[in-house]
Amino acid sequence: QGSDYIDKAQYEGVYTEATVPGYHAILRRNSNGQNQPEVETIKIPTLEVRDLTLVCEYEIMTNDITAPMAESLILTVLLEEFYEHDYQDEADKIEFINLKSQAARTIAYSLVV
């Protein structure tokens, strides 16, 4: 388990309308059993299909998450668990755009499922 290993069971994907427009987020569940609020670790203001590409713009909100970890979490807890791969019918690629670094990476959606 390298430095990019992440326990995906500790996270969940959500859609929030706390702001207008709403946005997607990855929340870290509290593992200590206390009733503390979940921590927003990744903010995803853009998740939409453009020309068969699912464009996913994200911003990492905590220092303990790397870009590969963020993309892994988006793929699993948001696209797989929250959306159950609903976007797969509309897109054949996923473009990740890290809003802080402006780094972009595109992968085939078929590699995900």
C-alpha atoms as a PDB file:
ATOM      1  CA  GLN A   1       0.000   0.000   0.000  1.00  0.00           C
ATOM      2  CA  GLY A   2       1.727   3.121  -1.254  1.00  0.00           C
ATOM      3  CA  SER A   3       1.211   6.665  -0.130  1.00  0.00           C
ATOM      4  CA  ASP A   4      -1.804   6.971  -2.439  1.00  0.00           C
ATOM      5  CA  TYR A   5      -3.680   4.119  -0.724  1.00  0.00           C
ATOM      6  CA  ILE A   6      -7.072   5.191   0.577  1.00  0.00           C
ATOM      7  CA  ASP A   7      -9.757   3.386   2.552  1.00  0.00           C
ATOM      8  CA  LYS A   8     -12.757   4.105   0.346  1.00  0.00           C
ATOM      9  CA  ALA A   9     -15.172   2.854   3.016  1.00  0.00           C
ATOM     10  CA  GLN A  10     -14.372   6.020   4.982  1.00  0.00           C
ATOM     11  CA  TYR A  11     -15.813   8.247   2.227  1.00  0.00           C
ATOM     12  CA  GLU A  12     -19.117   8.892   0.518  1.00  0.00           C
ATOM     13  CA  GLY A  13     -20.204  10.806  -2.566  1.00  0.00           C
ATOM     14  CA  VAL A  14     -23.018  13.338  -2.248  1.00  0.00           C
ATOM     15  CA  TYR A  15     -24.789  16.117  -4.089  1.00  0.00           C
ATOM     16  CA  THR A  16     -25.398  19.230  -2.046  1.00  0.00           C
ATOM     17  CA  GLU A  17     -27.559  22.250  -2.702  1.00  0.00           C
ATOM     18  CA  ALA A  18     -25.917  24.251   0.077  1.00  0.00           C
ATOM     19  CA  THR A  19     -25.006  26.735  -2.635  1.00  0.00           C
ATOM     20  CA  VAL A  20     -26.640  27.703  -5.911  1.00  0.00           C
ATOM     21  CA  PRO A  21     -25.818  26.059  -8.172  1.00  0.00           C
ATOM     22  CA  GLY A  22     -25.376  22.865  -6.193  1.00  0.00           C
ATOM     23  CA  TYR A  23     -22.294  20.695  -6.488  1.00  0.00           C
ATOM     24  CA  HIS A  24     -21.013  17.201  -5.836  1.00  0.00           C
ATOM     25  CA  ALA A  25     -18.635  16.422  -3.005  1.00  0.00           C
ATOM     26  CA  ILE A  26     -16.757  13.573  -1.411  1.00  0.00           C
ATOM     27  CA  LEU A  27     -17.196  13.517   2.357  1.00  0.00           C
ATOM     28  CA  ARG A  28     -14.983  11.713   4.843  1.00  0.00           C
ATOM     29  CA  ARG A  29     -17.057   9.883   7.416  1.00  0.00           C
ATOM     30  CA  ASN A  30     -16.056  10.216  11.022  1.00  0.00           C
ATOM     31  CA  SER A  31     -14.452   6.993  12.135  1.00  0.00           C
ATOM     32  CA  ASN A  32     -14.183   7.787  15.831  1.00  0.00           C
ATOM     33  CA  GLY A  33     -17.873   7.243  16.520  1.00  0.00           C
ATOM     34  CA  GLN A  34     -18.479  10.787  17.727  1.00  0.00           C
ATOM     35  CA  ASN A  35     -21.287  12.862  16.274  1.00  0.00           C
ATOM     36  CA  GLN A  36     -18.944  15.237  14.539  1.00  0.00           C
ATOM     37  CA  PRO A  37     -19.851  16.503  11.072  1.00  0.00           C
ATOM     38  CA  GLU A  38     -18.431  14.793   8.028  1.00  0.00           C
ATOM     39  CA  VAL A  39     -15.516  16.587   6.415  1.00  0.00           C
ATOM     40  CA  GLU A  40     -15.774  17.775   2.818  1.00  0.00           C
ATOM     41  CA  THR A  41     -12.535  16.480   1.313  1.00  0.00           C
ATOM     42  CA  ILE A  42     -13.184  16.986  -2.403  1.00  0.00           C
ATOM     43  CA  LYS A  43     -15.479  19.527  -4.054  1.00  0.00           C
ATOM     44  CA  ILE A  44     -16.686  18.736  -7.587  1.00  0.00           C
ATOM     45  CA  PRO A  45     -18.352  21.849  -9.045  1.00  0.00           C
ATOM     46  CA  THR A  46     -18.537  20.373 -12.565  1.00  0.00           C
ATOM     47  CA  LEU A  47     -19.702  16.873 -13.446  1.00  0.00           C
ATOM     48  CA  GLU A  48     -21.310  16.887 -16.875  1.00  0.00           C
ATOM     49  CA  VAL A  49     -21.140  15.136 -20.225  1.00  0.00           C
ATOM     50  CA  ARG A  50     -19.722  17.135 -23.133  1.00  0.00           C
ATOM     51  CA  ASP A  51     -19.328  15.370 -26.502  1.00  0.00           C
ATOM     52  CA  LEU A  52     -19.211  11.843 -25.022  1.00  0.00           C
ATOM     53  CA  THR A  53     -16.729  12.940 -22.342  1.00  0.00           C
ATOM     54  CA  LEU A  54     -17.714  13.147 -18.690  1.00  0.00           C
ATOM     55  CA  VAL A  55     -15.985  16.337 -17.545  1.00  0.00           C
ATOM     56  CA  CYS A  56     -15.139  16.251 -13.866  1.00  0.00           C
ATOM     57  CA  GLU A  57     -13.604  19.394 -12.376  1.00  0.00           C
ATOM     58  CA  TYR A  58     -12.545  18.913  -8.791  1.00  0.00           C
ATOM     59  CA  GLU A  59     -10.865  20.767  -5.968  1.00  0.00           C
ATOM     60  CA  ILE A  60      -9.091  18.982  -3.124  1.00  0.00           C
ATOM     61  CA  MET A  61     -10.104  20.600   0.172  1.00  0.00           C
ATOM     62  CA  THR A  62      -7.748  18.806   2.598  1.00  0.00           C
ATOM     63  CA  ASN A  63      -3.983  18.348   2.600  1.00  0.00           C
ATOM     64  CA  ASP A  64      -4.029  14.580   3.059  1.00  0.00           C
ATOM     65  CA  ILE A  65      -5.565  13.824  -0.361  1.00  0.00           C
ATOM     66  CA  THR A  66      -3.425  13.592  -3.511  1.00  0.00           C
ATOM     67  CA  ALA A  67      -4.767  13.980  -7.056  1.00  0.00           C
ATOM     68  CA  PRO A  68      -4.606  10.195  -7.741  1.00  0.00           C
ATOM     69  CA  MET A  69      -6.468   9.576  -4.476  1.00  0.00           C
ATOM     70  CA  ALA A  70      -9.091  12.181  -5.392  1.00  0.00           C
ATOM     71  CA  GLU A  71      -9.664  10.663  -8.831  1.00  0.00           C
ATOM     72  CA  SER A  72      -9.897   7.186  -7.325  1.00  0.00           C
ATOM     73  CA  LEU A  73     -12.495   8.383  -4.817  1.00  0.00           C
ATOM     74  CA  ILE A  74     -14.502  10.168  -7.522  1.00  0.00           C
ATOM     75  CA  LEU A  75     -14.540   6.989  -9.623  1.00  0.00           C
ATOM     76  CA  THR A  76     -15.621   4.732  -6.776  1.00  0.00           C
ATOM     77  CA  VAL A  77     -17.712   6.573  -4.207  1.00  0.00           C
ATOM     78  CA  LEU A  78     -19.314   9.075  -6.604  1.00  0.00           C
ATOM     79  CA  LEU A  79     -19.600   7.486 -10.058  1.00  0.00           C
ATOM     80  CA  GLU A  80     -19.894   3.851  -8.957  1.00  0.00           C
ATOM     81  CA  GLU A  81     -21.700   3.970  -5.610  1.00  0.00           C
ATOM     82  CA  PHE A  82     -23.696   7.228  -5.774  1.00  0.00           C
ATOM     83  CA  TYR A  83     -24.542   7.172  -9.493  1.00  0.00           C
ATOM     84  CA  GLU A  84     -24.224   3.413 -10.152  1.00  0.00           C
ATOM     85  CA  HIS A  85     -22.408   4.258 -13.406  1.00  0.00           C
ATOM     86  CA  ASP A  86     -25.405   6.153 -14.841  1.00  0.00           C
ATOM     87  CA  TYR A  87     -23.037   8.286 -16.918  1.00  0.00           C
ATOM     88  CA  GLN A  88     -21.601   5.265 -18.705  1.00  0.00           C
ATOM     89  CA  ASP A  89     -24.434   5.326 -21.274  1.00  0.00           C
ATOM     90  CA  GLU A  90     -23.630   8.937 -22.193  1.00  0.00           C
ATOM     91  CA  ALA A  91     -19.829   9.061 -22.046  1.00  0.00           C
ATOM     92  CA  ASP A  92     -16.948   6.890 -23.216  1.00  0.00           C
ATOM     93  CA  LYS A  93     -14.220   8.964 -21.547  1.00  0.00           C
ATOM     94  CA  ILE A  94     -13.756  10.773 -18.240  1.00  0.00           C
ATOM     95  CA  GLU A  95     -11.711  13.967 -18.131  1.00  0.00           C
ATOM     96  CA  PHE A  96     -10.442  14.893 -14.680  1.00  0.00           C
ATOM     97  CA  ILE A  97      -9.443  18.529 -14.201  1.00  0.00           C
ATOM     98  CA  ASN A  98      -7.723  19.474 -10.946  1.00  0.00           C
ATOM     99  CA  LEU A  99      -8.863  23.067 -10.371  1.00  0.00           C
ATOM    100  CA  LYS A 100      -5.894  23.947  -8.154  1.00  0.00           C
ATOM    101  CA  SER A 101      -3.121  22.675 -10.434  1.00  0.00           C
ATOM    102  CA  GLN A 102      -5.086  22.899 -13.715  1.00  0.00           C
ATOM    103  CA  ALA A 103      -3.715  19.442 -14.531  1.00  0.00           C
ATOM    104  CA  ALA A 104      -6.029  17.445 -16.778  1.00  0.00           C
ATOM    105  CA  ARG A 105      -6.131  13.712 -17.374  1.00  0.00           C
ATOM    106  CA  THR A 106      -8.483  11.689 -19.547  1.00  0.00           C
ATOM    107  CA  ILE A 107      -9.202   7.991 -19.119  1.00  0.00           C
ATOM    108  CA  ALA A 108     -11.480   5.572 -20.953  1.00  0.00           C
ATOM    109  CA  TYR A 109     -14.702   5.015 -19.034  1.00  0.00           C
ATOM    110  CA  SER A 110     -14.567   1.349 -20.038  1.00  0.00           C
ATOM    111  CA  LEU A 111     -11.445   0.937 -17.882  1.00  0.00           C
ATOM    112  CA  VAL A 112     -13.453   1.902 -14.821  1.00  0.00           C
ATOM    113  CA  VAL A 113     -16.280  -0.632 -14.826  1.00  0.00           C
END
